[in-house]
Amino acid sequence: MNKSVSIFVIAYNMEQYIDKCVSSLLKQSYDNYKIVLIENGSNKDHTREIIEDYANRYDKVEKILIDHNEQYGNALELAIKNCDSDYFIICDPDDYLEEDALEKLIKRSHDADLVCGSRNVFYEDNDEVDYDSCINGDITTIHNDDISVNEETYNDLFFLNPTPHSKLYKTECVKDIVIPKETFTDNVLYFKALMEAKEVVYDETLNVSNYLINRTGNSTTTYKPSYIRAFHTMTKGLIDTCQKSTNYSKLKGIFALRLYLSLKDMIHLLHSIKGSKEEILQYMIDLYDTIMPVVQENKDVLSSYSKYYTLDRYDRFLMNPLFGKMVYKRSVKKIIEE
């Protein structure tokens, strides 16, 4: 049980929140861990000074100082590649962990490559706390399971929220990861781990992370055309990473379905994206051109995943290599013009 764990905290202009975060990490009941604070070139507050103070005062705290602000993906990739612990977990500086978080995750791991739990959601403007299982209970059957990559229920894991909350990663499983530098880095890390893992644990009772959902300026509250561009950049990197991974041949069908559903999710989000209509349309076409070759290559097996999604006539039109792009472009333009 005495596996070593690193906790990564990547902070950029977060002095308002970081004390609560680091305090929760210093109180962990598990002993064999360290906290790695990555100061990502803050330029508007005293985040760097706070991090340096923690590193000077506590033996469990290490610091990585980045002089100029890097994209989150750069900082996370640097932390993973330099990690010398058996496992790592990510805690955003505006979130915090329960005091027994590491103890529970390690105890539940059974040497798995990835341990996934649930999370508590809290808010900046009130005292409410909500439970989030992080998984779509309408289409999945797992609750408290050790799942081998050879089991059919492994596919359920593709419908788990890829955010890092309550996720314990085995370092060797993702050590060689290359992360796109914009955003959605959590997606690449999580799906890379699924594509490399031999066994994954999901336990809905492991609600050991606390997630601040409505922080002012949080990327989940604002959508511009660049949101689609960033998602496209991530998707290109994700496909390249996963196609080179150990389990790709076993999982390429469910991966293709997950990619396709992400494209449909972006279509549904178009009403919330404000900006240049020309930019929006072009970014959406780029996304289609990246995702659909993978989908079309695996379209003959997609119907076997009806547990997760049933293809309809419109889906089959979009997947048609002859006129699917024309149908898609027309649909997107109609939504943008509304």
C-alpha atoms as a PDB file:
ATOM      1  CA  MET A   1       0.000   0.000   0.000  1.00  0.00           C
ATOM      2  CA  ASN A   2       2.948   2.338   0.532  1.00  0.00           C
ATOM      3  CA  LYS A   3       3.100   3.629  -3.040  1.00  0.00           C
ATOM      4  CA  SER A   4       4.553   7.090  -3.530  1.00  0.00           C
ATOM      5  CA  VAL A   5       2.281   9.856  -4.819  1.00  0.00           C
ATOM      6  CA  SER A   6       2.903  13.308  -6.266  1.00  0.00           C
ATOM      7  CA  ILE A   7       0.196  15.965  -6.135  1.00  0.00           C
ATOM      8  CA  PHE A   8       0.491  18.479  -8.972  1.00  0.00           C
ATOM      9  CA  VAL A   9      -0.844  22.002  -8.504  1.00  0.00           C
ATOM     10  CA  ILE A  10      -0.406  24.287 -11.514  1.00  0.00           C
ATOM     11  CA  ALA A  11      -1.040  27.902 -10.520  1.00  0.00           C
ATOM     12  CA  TYR A  12      -1.288  31.109 -12.524  1.00  0.00           C
ATOM     13  CA  ASN A  13      -2.435  34.264 -10.723  1.00  0.00           C
ATOM     14  CA  MET A  14      -4.289  32.268  -8.065  1.00  0.00           C
ATOM     15  CA  GLU A  15      -3.280  33.915  -4.777  1.00  0.00           C
ATOM     16  CA  GLN A  16      -6.940  34.211  -3.738  1.00  0.00           C
ATOM     17  CA  TYR A  17      -7.412  30.427  -3.683  1.00  0.00           C
ATOM     18  CA  ILE A  18      -4.088  28.639  -3.335  1.00  0.00           C
ATOM     19  CA  ASP A  19      -3.780  28.723   0.468  1.00  0.00           C
ATOM     20  CA  LYS A  20      -6.973  26.712   0.939  1.00  0.00           C
ATOM     21  CA  CYS A  21      -5.808  24.240  -1.672  1.00  0.00           C
ATOM     22  CA  VAL A  22      -2.299  23.680  -0.293  1.00  0.00           C
ATOM     23  CA  SER A  23      -3.539  23.545   3.288  1.00  0.00           C
ATOM     24  CA  SER A  24      -5.776  20.615   2.370  1.00  0.00           C
ATOM     25  CA  LEU A  25      -2.851  18.851   0.727  1.00  0.00           C
ATOM     26  CA  LEU A  26      -0.571  19.286   3.741  1.00  0.00           C
ATOM     27  CA  LYS A  27      -3.189  17.615   5.966  1.00  0.00           C
ATOM     28  CA  GLN A  28      -3.297  14.331   4.048  1.00  0.00           C
ATOM     29  CA  SER A  29      -3.537  11.261   6.289  1.00  0.00           C
ATOM     30  CA  TYR A  30      -1.427   9.252   3.837  1.00  0.00           C
ATOM     31  CA  ASP A  31       2.292   9.700   4.465  1.00  0.00           C
ATOM     32  CA  ASN A  32       4.221   8.775   1.326  1.00  0.00           C
ATOM     33  CA  TYR A  33       3.498  11.760  -0.868  1.00  0.00           C
ATOM     34  CA  LYS A  34       4.828  15.109  -1.961  1.00  0.00           C
ATOM     35  CA  ILE A  35       3.245  18.285  -3.266  1.00  0.00           C
ATOM     36  CA  VAL A  36       4.646  19.735  -6.482  1.00  0.00           C
ATOM     37  CA  LEU A  37       3.638  23.373  -6.907  1.00  0.00           C
ATOM     38  CA  ILE A  38       4.137  24.603 -10.471  1.00  0.00           C
ATOM     39  CA  GLU A  39       4.142  28.389 -10.654  1.00  0.00           C
ATOM     40  CA  ASN A  40       3.209  29.161 -14.241  1.00  0.00           C
ATOM     41  CA  GLY A  41       4.580  32.677 -14.758  1.00  0.00           C
ATOM     42  CA  SER A  42       2.069  34.646 -12.687  1.00  0.00           C
ATOM     43  CA  ASN A  43       2.197  38.375 -13.423  1.00  0.00           C
ATOM     44  CA  LYS A  44      -0.749  39.964 -11.610  1.00  0.00           C
ATOM     45  CA  ASP A  45      -0.464  38.812  -8.009  1.00  0.00           C
ATOM     46  CA  HIS A  46       1.787  37.148  -5.425  1.00  0.00           C
ATOM     47  CA  THR A  47       1.254  33.504  -6.391  1.00  0.00           C
ATOM     48  CA  ARG A  48       4.980  32.948  -6.926  1.00  0.00           C
ATOM     49  CA  GLU A  49       5.912  34.345  -3.523  1.00  0.00           C
ATOM     50  CA  ILE A  50       3.271  32.180  -1.840  1.00  0.00           C
ATOM     51  CA  ILE A  51       4.580  29.047  -3.562  1.00  0.00           C
ATOM     52  CA  GLU A  52       8.184  29.841  -2.683  1.00  0.00           C
ATOM     53  CA  ASP A  53       7.156  30.338   0.942  1.00  0.00           C
ATOM     54  CA  TYR A  54       5.451  26.913   1.090  1.00  0.00           C
ATOM     55  CA  ALA A  55       8.489  25.238  -0.499  1.00  0.00           C
ATOM     56  CA  ASN A  56      10.791  26.877   2.039  1.00  0.00           C
ATOM     57  CA  ARG A  57       8.659  25.927   5.044  1.00  0.00           C
ATOM     58  CA  TYR A  58       7.579  22.358   4.270  1.00  0.00           C
ATOM     59  CA  ASP A  59       9.730  19.373   3.333  1.00  0.00           C
ATOM     60  CA  LYS A  60       6.806  17.782   1.469  1.00  0.00           C
ATOM     61  CA  VAL A  61       6.534  20.728  -0.908  1.00  0.00           C
ATOM     62  CA  GLU A  62       8.594  21.052  -4.066  1.00  0.00           C
ATOM     63  CA  LYS A  63       8.389  23.938  -6.500  1.00  0.00           C
ATOM     64  CA  ILE A  64       8.756  24.345 -10.241  1.00  0.00           C
ATOM     65  CA  LEU A  65       9.029  27.979 -11.320  1.00  0.00           C
ATOM     66  CA  ILE A  66       8.246  28.899 -14.915  1.00  0.00           C
ATOM     67  CA  ASP A  67       9.412  32.402 -15.823  1.00  0.00           C
ATOM     68  CA  HIS A  68       6.913  33.127 -18.604  1.00  0.00           C
ATOM     69  CA  ASN A  69       3.346  31.910 -18.666  1.00  0.00           C
ATOM     70  CA  GLU A  70       3.084  28.617 -20.535  1.00  0.00           C
ATOM     71  CA  GLN A  71      -0.106  26.962 -21.662  1.00  0.00           C
ATOM     72  CA  TYR A  72      -1.465  24.602 -19.013  1.00  0.00           C
ATOM     73  CA  GLY A  73      -0.595  21.606 -21.189  1.00  0.00           C
ATOM     74  CA  ASN A  74       3.086  22.563 -21.280  1.00  0.00           C
ATOM     75  CA  ALA A  75       3.232  22.813 -17.511  1.00  0.00           C
ATOM     76  CA  LEU A  76       1.402  19.522 -16.942  1.00  0.00           C
ATOM     77  CA  GLU A  77       3.539  17.651 -19.466  1.00  0.00           C
ATOM     78  CA  LEU A  78       6.679  18.983 -17.754  1.00  0.00           C
ATOM     79  CA  ALA A  79       5.406  17.813 -14.364  1.00  0.00           C
ATOM     80  CA  ILE A  80       4.545  14.317 -15.619  1.00  0.00           C
ATOM     81  CA  LYS A  81       7.823  13.796 -17.450  1.00  0.00           C
ATOM     82  CA  ASN A  82       9.766  14.773 -14.308  1.00  0.00           C
ATOM     83  CA  CYS A  83       7.602  12.765 -11.923  1.00  0.00           C
ATOM     84  CA  ASP A  84       9.485  10.129  -9.881  1.00  0.00           C
ATOM     85  CA  SER A  85       6.484   8.903  -7.848  1.00  0.00           C
ATOM     86  CA  ASP A  86       4.522   5.719  -8.504  1.00  0.00           C
ATOM     87  CA  TYR A  87       1.296   7.679  -8.925  1.00  0.00           C
ATOM     88  CA  PHE A  88       0.190  11.268  -9.335  1.00  0.00           C
ATOM     89  CA  ILE A  89      -2.989  13.258  -8.873  1.00  0.00           C
ATOM     90  CA  ILE A  90      -3.838  16.763 -10.079  1.00  0.00           C
ATOM     91  CA  CYS A  91      -5.474  19.361  -7.868  1.00  0.00           C
ATOM     92  CA  ASP A  92      -6.323  22.723  -9.415  1.00  0.00           C
ATOM     93  CA  PRO A  93      -5.368  25.638  -7.148  1.00  0.00           C
ATOM     94  CA  ASP A  94      -8.986  26.716  -6.670  1.00  0.00           C
ATOM     95  CA  ASP A  95     -10.019  23.195  -5.605  1.00  0.00           C
ATOM     96  CA  TYR A  96      -9.058  21.117  -2.575  1.00  0.00           C
ATOM     97  CA  LEU A  97      -8.840  17.501  -1.428  1.00  0.00           C
ATOM     98  CA  GLU A  98     -10.434  15.759   1.513  1.00  0.00           C
ATOM     99  CA  GLU A  99      -7.853  14.926   4.181  1.00  0.00           C
ATOM    100  CA  ASP A 100      -8.115  11.179   3.519  1.00  0.00           C
ATOM    101  CA  ALA A 101      -8.117  11.512  -0.275  1.00  0.00           C
ATOM    102  CA  LEU A 102      -4.751   9.862  -0.980  1.00  0.00           C
ATOM    103  CA  GLU A 103      -5.271   7.179   1.657  1.00  0.00           C
ATOM    104  CA  LYS A 104      -8.597   6.145   0.118  1.00  0.00           C
ATOM    105  CA  LEU A 105      -7.365   6.262  -3.488  1.00  0.00           C
ATOM    106  CA  ILE A 106      -4.226   4.223  -2.794  1.00  0.00           C
ATOM    107  CA  LYS A 107      -6.108   1.683  -0.676  1.00  0.00           C
ATOM    108  CA  ARG A 108      -8.645   1.231  -3.463  1.00  0.00           C
ATOM    109  CA  SER A 109      -6.080   1.072  -6.266  1.00  0.00           C
ATOM    110  CA  HIS A 110      -5.038  -2.615  -5.998  1.00  0.00           C
ATOM    111  CA  ASP A 111      -2.082  -1.564  -8.204  1.00  0.00           C
ATOM    112  CA  ALA A 112      -4.438  -0.449 -11.012  1.00  0.00           C
ATOM    113  CA  ASP A 113      -3.148   1.905 -13.682  1.00  0.00           C
ATOM    114  CA  LEU A 114      -5.895   4.439 -13.029  1.00  0.00           C
ATOM    115  CA  VAL A 115      -8.278   5.008 -10.125  1.00  0.00           C
ATOM    116  CA  CYS A 116     -11.355   7.171 -10.760  1.00  0.00           C
ATOM    117  CA  GLY A 117     -13.793   8.490  -8.201  1.00  0.00           C
ATOM    118  CA  SER A 118     -16.556  11.040  -7.901  1.00  0.00           C
ATOM    119  CA  ARG A 119     -16.361  14.634  -6.696  1.00  0.00           C
ATOM    120  CA  ASN A 120     -18.057  17.281  -4.601  1.00  0.00           C
ATOM    121  CA  VAL A 121     -19.034  20.479  -6.395  1.00  0.00           C
ATOM    122  CA  PHE A 122     -19.041  23.756  -4.456  1.00  0.00           C
ATOM    123  CA  TYR A 123     -19.784  27.342  -5.414  1.00  0.00           C
ATOM    124  CA  GLU A 124     -18.132  30.709  -4.893  1.00  0.00           C
ATOM    125  CA  ASP A 125     -21.350  32.610  -4.140  1.00  0.00           C
ATOM    126  CA  ASN A 126     -23.113  30.236  -1.721  1.00  0.00           C
ATOM    127  CA  ASP A 127     -22.527  27.336   0.692  1.00  0.00           C
ATOM    128  CA  GLU A 128     -24.177  24.594  -1.340  1.00  0.00           C
ATOM    129  CA  VAL A 129     -22.289  21.356  -2.057  1.00  0.00           C
ATOM    130  CA  ASP A 130     -23.464  18.906  -4.714  1.00  0.00           C
ATOM    131  CA  TYR A 131     -22.372  15.334  -5.393  1.00  0.00           C
ATOM    132  CA  ASP A 132     -21.230  14.490  -8.934  1.00  0.00           C
ATOM    133  CA  SER A 133     -20.597  10.842  -9.832  1.00  0.00           C
ATOM    134  CA  CYS A 134     -18.601  12.011 -12.890  1.00  0.00           C
ATOM    135  CA  ILE A 135     -20.232   9.324 -15.005  1.00  0.00           C
ATOM    136  CA  ASN A 136     -23.394   9.092 -17.093  1.00  0.00           C
ATOM    137  CA  GLY A 137     -25.574   6.817 -15.004  1.00  0.00           C
ATOM    138  CA  ASP A 138     -28.203   6.565 -17.743  1.00  0.00           C
ATOM    139  CA  ILE A 139     -25.946   4.528 -20.025  1.00  0.00           C
ATOM    140  CA  THR A 140     -23.357   2.938 -17.753  1.00  0.00           C
ATOM    141  CA  THR A 141     -23.531   0.072 -15.293  1.00  0.00           C
ATOM    142  CA  ILE A 142     -20.347   0.478 -13.258  1.00  0.00           C
ATOM    143  CA  HIS A 143     -20.470   1.694  -9.657  1.00  0.00           C
ATOM    144  CA  ASN A 144     -17.644   0.124  -7.674  1.00  0.00           C
ATOM    145  CA  ASP A 145     -15.595  -2.006 -10.043  1.00  0.00           C
ATOM    146  CA  ASP A 146     -12.094  -3.149 -10.948  1.00  0.00           C
ATOM    147  CA  ILE A 147     -12.284  -3.319 -14.733  1.00  0.00           C
ATOM    148  CA  SER A 148      -9.841  -5.105 -17.032  1.00  0.00           C
ATOM    149  CA  VAL A 149      -9.263  -3.739 -20.532  1.00  0.00           C
ATOM    150  CA  ASN A 150     -10.535  -7.097 -21.825  1.00  0.00           C
ATOM    151  CA  GLU A 151     -13.960  -6.687 -20.192  1.00  0.00           C
ATOM    152  CA  GLU A 152     -16.923  -5.252 -22.086  1.00  0.00           C
ATOM    153  CA  THR A 153     -17.683  -2.812 -19.275  1.00  0.00           C
ATOM    154  CA  TYR A 154     -14.325  -1.125 -19.930  1.00  0.00           C
ATOM    155  CA  ASN A 155     -16.197   0.773 -22.659  1.00  0.00           C
ATOM    156  CA  ASP A 156     -18.236   2.483 -19.932  1.00  0.00           C
ATOM    157  CA  LEU A 157     -15.117   4.343 -18.872  1.00  0.00           C
ATOM    158  CA  PHE A 158     -15.227   6.345 -22.106  1.00  0.00           C
ATOM    159  CA  PHE A 159     -18.284   8.096 -20.678  1.00  0.00           C
ATOM    160  CA  LEU A 160     -16.614   9.203 -17.475  1.00  0.00           C
ATOM    161  CA  ASN A 161     -15.941  12.915 -17.081  1.00  0.00           C
ATOM    162  CA  PRO A 162     -12.240  13.306 -17.997  1.00  0.00           C
ATOM    163  CA  THR A 163     -11.597  16.123 -15.529  1.00  0.00           C
ATOM    164  CA  PRO A 164      -8.777  15.302 -13.068  1.00  0.00           C
ATOM    165  CA  HIS A 165     -10.885  15.342  -9.904  1.00  0.00           C
ATOM    166  CA  SER A 166     -10.460  12.181  -7.806  1.00  0.00           C
ATOM    167  CA  LYS A 167      -8.282  10.506 -10.436  1.00  0.00           C
ATOM    168  CA  LEU A 168      -5.068   8.740  -9.445  1.00  0.00           C
ATOM    169  CA  TYR A 169      -2.775   8.040 -12.399  1.00  0.00           C
ATOM    170  CA  LYS A 170       0.025   5.476 -12.468  1.00  0.00           C
ATOM    171  CA  THR A 171       2.971   7.500 -13.704  1.00  0.00           C
ATOM    172  CA  GLU A 172       4.541   4.860 -15.963  1.00  0.00           C
ATOM    173  CA  CYS A 173       1.242   4.523 -17.829  1.00  0.00           C
ATOM    174  CA  VAL A 174       1.390   8.075 -19.222  1.00  0.00           C
ATOM    175  CA  LYS A 175       5.045   9.022 -18.824  1.00  0.00           C
ATOM    176  CA  ASP A 176       5.578   9.578 -22.554  1.00  0.00           C
ATOM    177  CA  ILE A 177       2.469  11.718 -23.042  1.00  0.00           C
ATOM    178  CA  VAL A 178       2.492  14.670 -25.430  1.00  0.00           C
ATOM    179  CA  ILE A 179      -0.178  17.198 -24.473  1.00  0.00           C
ATOM    180  CA  PRO A 180      -1.602  19.866 -26.834  1.00  0.00           C
ATOM    181  CA  LYS A 181      -0.724  23.263 -25.498  1.00  0.00           C
ATOM    182  CA  GLU A 182      -4.070  25.082 -25.540  1.00  0.00           C
ATOM    183  CA  THR A 183      -6.854  23.633 -23.391  1.00  0.00           C
ATOM    184  CA  PHE A 184      -8.863  20.432 -22.833  1.00  0.00           C
ATOM    185  CA  THR A 185      -5.641  18.853 -21.602  1.00  0.00           C
ATOM    186  CA  ASP A 186      -7.613  16.685 -19.176  1.00  0.00           C
ATOM    187  CA  ASN A 187      -9.166  14.852 -22.132  1.00  0.00           C
ATOM    188  CA  VAL A 188      -5.803  13.865 -23.575  1.00  0.00           C
ATOM    189  CA  LEU A 189      -4.437  12.669 -20.235  1.00  0.00           C
ATOM    190  CA  TYR A 190      -7.515  10.641 -19.345  1.00  0.00           C
ATOM    191  CA  PHE A 191      -8.017   8.934 -22.715  1.00  0.00           C
ATOM    192  CA  LYS A 192      -4.286   8.301 -23.051  1.00  0.00           C
ATOM    193  CA  ALA A 193      -4.441   6.462 -19.714  1.00  0.00           C
ATOM    194  CA  LEU A 194      -7.450   4.405 -20.860  1.00  0.00           C
ATOM    195  CA  MET A 195      -5.595   3.473 -24.021  1.00  0.00           C
ATOM    196  CA  GLU A 196      -2.539   2.279 -22.082  1.00  0.00           C
ATOM    197  CA  ALA A 197      -4.077   0.747 -18.949  1.00  0.00           C
ATOM    198  CA  LYS A 198      -4.480  -2.928 -18.168  1.00  0.00           C
ATOM    199  CA  GLU A 199      -6.867  -2.291 -15.285  1.00  0.00           C
ATOM    200  CA  VAL A 200      -8.895   0.703 -14.137  1.00  0.00           C
ATOM    201  CA  VAL A 201     -10.860   1.199 -10.922  1.00  0.00           C
ATOM    202  CA  TYR A 202     -14.039   3.273 -10.774  1.00  0.00           C
ATOM    203  CA  ASP A 203     -15.600   3.765  -7.354  1.00  0.00           C
ATOM    204  CA  GLU A 204     -18.463   6.224  -6.989  1.00  0.00           C
ATOM    205  CA  THR A 205     -17.904   6.427  -3.217  1.00  0.00           C
ATOM    206  CA  LEU A 206     -14.476   8.029  -3.700  1.00  0.00           C
ATOM    207  CA  ASN A 207     -15.748  11.612  -3.629  1.00  0.00           C
ATOM    208  CA  VAL A 208     -12.446  12.919  -2.328  1.00  0.00           C
ATOM    209  CA  SER A 209     -12.015  16.019  -4.519  1.00  0.00           C
ATOM    210  CA  ASN A 210     -13.839  19.326  -4.164  1.00  0.00           C
ATOM    211  CA  TYR A 211     -14.388  21.324  -7.332  1.00  0.00           C
ATOM    212  CA  LEU A 212     -15.126  25.048  -7.496  1.00  0.00           C
ATOM    213  CA  ILE A 213     -17.488  25.282 -10.445  1.00  0.00           C
ATOM    214  CA  ASN A 214     -18.257  28.987 -10.864  1.00  0.00           C
ATOM    215  CA  ARG A 215     -15.002  30.845 -10.312  1.00  0.00           C
ATOM    216  CA  THR A 216     -14.949  34.215 -12.090  1.00  0.00           C
ATOM    217  CA  GLY A 217     -12.941  33.847 -15.302  1.00  0.00           C
ATOM    218  CA  ASN A 218     -13.076  30.047 -15.280  1.00  0.00           C
ATOM    219  CA  SER A 219     -12.833  28.669 -18.820  1.00  0.00           C
ATOM    220  CA  THR A 220     -16.069  26.719 -18.418  1.00  0.00           C
ATOM    221  CA  THR A 221     -18.205  29.873 -18.337  1.00  0.00           C
ATOM    222  CA  THR A 222     -17.252  31.682 -21.578  1.00  0.00           C
ATOM    223  CA  TYR A 223     -17.438  30.453 -25.188  1.00  0.00           C
ATOM    224  CA  LYS A 224     -15.863  32.175 -28.190  1.00  0.00           C
ATOM    225  CA  PRO A 225     -14.843  30.822 -31.616  1.00  0.00           C
ATOM    226  CA  SER A 226     -11.398  30.101 -30.158  1.00  0.00           C
ATOM    227  CA  TYR A 227     -13.107  27.489 -27.947  1.00  0.00           C
ATOM    228  CA  ILE A 228     -13.810  25.388 -31.049  1.00  0.00           C
ATOM    229  CA  ARG A 229     -10.278  25.947 -32.345  1.00  0.00           C
ATOM    230  CA  ALA A 230      -8.797  24.808 -29.047  1.00  0.00           C
ATOM    231  CA  PHE A 231     -11.059  21.761 -28.990  1.00  0.00           C
ATOM    232  CA  HIS A 232      -9.937  20.937 -32.523  1.00  0.00           C
ATOM    233  CA  THR A 233      -6.263  21.243 -31.547  1.00  0.00           C
ATOM    234  CA  MET A 234      -6.851  18.930 -28.616  1.00  0.00           C
ATOM    235  CA  THR A 235      -8.757  16.433 -30.774  1.00  0.00           C
ATOM    236  CA  LYS A 236      -5.952  16.211 -33.329  1.00  0.00           C
ATOM    237  CA  GLY A 237      -3.456  15.537 -30.556  1.00  0.00           C
ATOM    238  CA  LEU A 238      -5.781  13.061 -28.874  1.00  0.00           C
ATOM    239  CA  ILE A 239      -6.276  11.023 -32.037  1.00  0.00           C
ATOM    240  CA  ASP A 240      -2.550  10.930 -32.726  1.00  0.00           C
ATOM    241  CA  THR A 241      -1.782   9.901 -29.138  1.00  0.00           C
ATOM    242  CA  CYS A 242      -4.462   7.221 -28.937  1.00  0.00           C
ATOM    243  CA  GLN A 243      -3.722   5.664 -32.314  1.00  0.00           C
ATOM    244  CA  LYS A 244      -0.168   4.989 -31.113  1.00  0.00           C
ATOM    245  CA  SER A 245      -1.302   3.480 -27.803  1.00  0.00           C
ATOM    246  CA  THR A 246      -1.233  -0.116 -26.573  1.00  0.00           C
ATOM    247  CA  ASN A 247      -4.985  -0.725 -26.488  1.00  0.00           C
ATOM    248  CA  TYR A 248      -6.028   1.137 -29.635  1.00  0.00           C
ATOM    249  CA  SER A 249      -6.850  -1.930 -31.720  1.00  0.00           C
ATOM    250  CA  LYS A 250      -9.152  -3.200 -28.940  1.00  0.00           C
ATOM    251  CA  LEU A 251     -10.814   0.125 -28.268  1.00  0.00           C
ATOM    252  CA  LYS A 252     -10.866   1.945 -31.603  1.00  0.00           C
ATOM    253  CA  GLY A 253     -14.612   1.372 -32.105  1.00  0.00           C
ATOM    254  CA  ILE A 254     -15.726   2.895 -28.816  1.00  0.00           C
ATOM    255  CA  PHE A 255     -13.107   5.622 -29.263  1.00  0.00           C
ATOM    256  CA  ALA A 256     -14.583   6.483 -32.671  1.00  0.00           C
ATOM    257  CA  LEU A 257     -18.057   6.696 -31.157  1.00  0.00           C
ATOM    258  CA  ARG A 258     -16.804   8.951 -28.371  1.00  0.00           C
ATOM    259  CA  LEU A 259     -15.167  11.227 -30.938  1.00  0.00           C
ATOM    260  CA  TYR A 260     -18.361  11.388 -32.957  1.00  0.00           C
ATOM    261  CA  LEU A 261     -20.431  12.260 -29.903  1.00  0.00           C
ATOM    262  CA  SER A 262     -17.994  15.037 -29.057  1.00  0.00           C
ATOM    263  CA  LEU A 263     -18.592  16.474 -32.536  1.00  0.00           C
ATOM    264  CA  LYS A 264     -22.358  16.374 -31.957  1.00  0.00           C
ATOM    265  CA  ASP A 265     -21.885  17.987 -28.547  1.00  0.00           C
ATOM    266  CA  MET A 266     -20.046  20.851 -30.227  1.00  0.00           C
ATOM    267  CA  ILE A 267     -22.898  21.255 -32.721  1.00  0.00           C
ATOM    268  CA  HIS A 268     -25.351  21.510 -29.818  1.00  0.00           C
ATOM    269  CA  LEU A 269     -23.109  24.120 -28.189  1.00  0.00           C
ATOM    270  CA  LEU A 270     -23.098  26.429 -31.215  1.00  0.00           C
ATOM    271  CA  HIS A 271     -25.949  28.561 -29.862  1.00  0.00           C
ATOM    272  CA  SER A 272     -23.683  29.500 -26.939  1.00  0.00           C
ATOM    273  CA  ILE A 273     -20.681  30.489 -29.074  1.00  0.00           C
ATOM    274  CA  LYS A 274     -20.558  34.158 -30.017  1.00  0.00           C
ATOM    275  CA  GLY A 275     -18.225  35.718 -32.563  1.00  0.00           C
ATOM    276  CA  SER A 276     -17.318  35.721 -36.246  1.00  0.00           C
ATOM    277  CA  LYS A 277     -19.662  33.413 -38.158  1.00  0.00           C
ATOM    278  CA  GLU A 278     -16.953  32.754 -40.722  1.00  0.00           C
ATOM    279  CA  GLU A 279     -14.500  31.673 -38.010  1.00  0.00           C
ATOM    280  CA  ILE A 280     -17.059  29.464 -36.322  1.00  0.00           C
ATOM    281  CA  LEU A 281     -17.943  27.724 -39.577  1.00  0.00           C
ATOM    282  CA  GLN A 282     -14.301  27.147 -40.545  1.00  0.00           C
ATOM    283  CA  TYR A 283     -13.352  25.776 -37.134  1.00  0.00           C
ATOM    284  CA  MET A 284     -16.340  23.435 -37.222  1.00  0.00           C
ATOM    285  CA  ILE A 285     -15.348  22.188 -40.674  1.00  0.00           C
ATOM    286  CA  ASP A 286     -11.792  21.601 -39.439  1.00  0.00           C
ATOM    287  CA  LEU A 287     -13.195  19.590 -36.542  1.00  0.00           C
ATOM    288  CA  TYR A 288     -15.312  17.475 -38.902  1.00  0.00           C
ATOM    289  CA  ASP A 289     -12.320  16.839 -41.177  1.00  0.00           C
ATOM    290  CA  THR A 290     -10.286  15.624 -38.192  1.00  0.00           C
ATOM    291  CA  ILE A 291     -12.887  13.402 -36.543  1.00  0.00           C
ATOM    292  CA  MET A 292     -14.768  11.849 -39.440  1.00  0.00           C
ATOM    293  CA  PRO A 293     -11.932   9.764 -40.976  1.00  0.00           C
ATOM    294  CA  VAL A 294     -11.695   7.862 -37.664  1.00  0.00           C
ATOM    295  CA  VAL A 295     -15.477   7.522 -37.486  1.00  0.00           C
ATOM    296  CA  GLN A 296     -15.826   6.375 -41.092  1.00  0.00           C
ATOM    297  CA  GLU A 297     -13.050   3.826 -40.649  1.00  0.00           C
ATOM    298  CA  ASN A 298     -15.004   2.257 -37.776  1.00  0.00           C
ATOM    299  CA  LYS A 299     -18.603   2.978 -38.806  1.00  0.00           C
ATOM    300  CA  ASP A 300     -19.413  -0.709 -39.417  1.00  0.00           C
ATOM    301  CA  VAL A 301     -18.991  -1.493 -35.705  1.00  0.00           C
ATOM    302  CA  LEU A 302     -20.619   1.616 -34.232  1.00  0.00           C
ATOM    303  CA  SER A 303     -24.075   0.038 -34.201  1.00  0.00           C
ATOM    304  CA  SER A 304     -22.756  -2.569 -31.731  1.00  0.00           C
ATOM    305  CA  TYR A 305     -22.476   0.199 -29.111  1.00  0.00           C
ATOM    306  CA  SER A 306     -26.228   0.906 -29.014  1.00  0.00           C
ATOM    307  CA  LYS A 307     -26.049   0.726 -25.217  1.00  0.00           C
ATOM    308  CA  TYR A 308     -24.382   4.119 -25.360  1.00  0.00           C
ATOM    309  CA  TYR A 309     -25.919   5.665 -28.463  1.00  0.00           C
ATOM    310  CA  THR A 310     -28.259   4.568 -31.253  1.00  0.00           C
ATOM    311  CA  LEU A 311     -27.357   5.907 -34.686  1.00  0.00           C
ATOM    312  CA  ASP A 312     -30.230   7.565 -36.532  1.00  0.00           C
ATOM    313  CA  ARG A 313     -30.710   8.575 -40.153  1.00  0.00           C
ATOM    314  CA  TYR A 314     -29.043  11.954 -39.675  1.00  0.00           C
ATOM    315  CA  ASP A 315     -25.975  10.307 -38.130  1.00  0.00           C
ATOM    316  CA  ARG A 316     -25.636   7.998 -41.110  1.00  0.00           C
ATOM    317  CA  PHE A 317     -25.886  10.986 -43.456  1.00  0.00           C
ATOM    318  CA  LEU A 318     -23.066  12.747 -41.588  1.00  0.00           C
ATOM    319  CA  MET A 319     -20.895   9.629 -41.757  1.00  0.00           C
ATOM    320  CA  ASN A 320     -21.372   9.177 -45.503  1.00  0.00           C
ATOM    321  CA  PRO A 321     -18.005   9.825 -47.209  1.00  0.00           C
ATOM    322  CA  LEU A 322     -19.684  11.161 -50.370  1.00  0.00           C
ATOM    323  CA  PHE A 323     -22.102  13.793 -49.057  1.00  0.00           C
ATOM    324  CA  GLY A 324     -21.733  13.786 -45.264  1.00  0.00           C
ATOM    325  CA  LYS A 325     -19.608  16.927 -45.189  1.00  0.00           C
ATOM    326  CA  MET A 326     -22.148  18.823 -47.301  1.00  0.00           C
ATOM    327  CA  VAL A 327     -24.986  17.837 -44.928  1.00  0.00           C
ATOM    328  CA  TYR A 328     -22.862  18.769 -41.917  1.00  0.00           C
ATOM    329  CA  LYS A 329     -21.836  22.148 -43.336  1.00  0.00           C
ATOM    330  CA  ARG A 330     -25.442  23.006 -44.163  1.00  0.00           C
ATOM    331  CA  SER A 331     -26.567  22.058 -40.628  1.00  0.00           C
ATOM    332  CA  VAL A 332     -23.844  24.133 -38.984  1.00  0.00           C
ATOM    333  CA  LYS A 333     -24.531  27.173 -41.157  1.00  0.00           C
ATOM    334  CA  LYS A 334     -28.216  27.017 -40.336  1.00  0.00           C
ATOM    335  CA  ILE A 335     -27.511  27.038 -36.596  1.00  0.00           C
ATOM    336  CA  ILE A 336     -24.984  29.869 -36.883  1.00  0.00           C
ATOM    337  CA  GLU A 337     -27.416  32.027 -38.854  1.00  0.00           C
ATOM    338  CA  GLU A 338     -30.279  31.607 -36.370  1.00  0.00           C
END
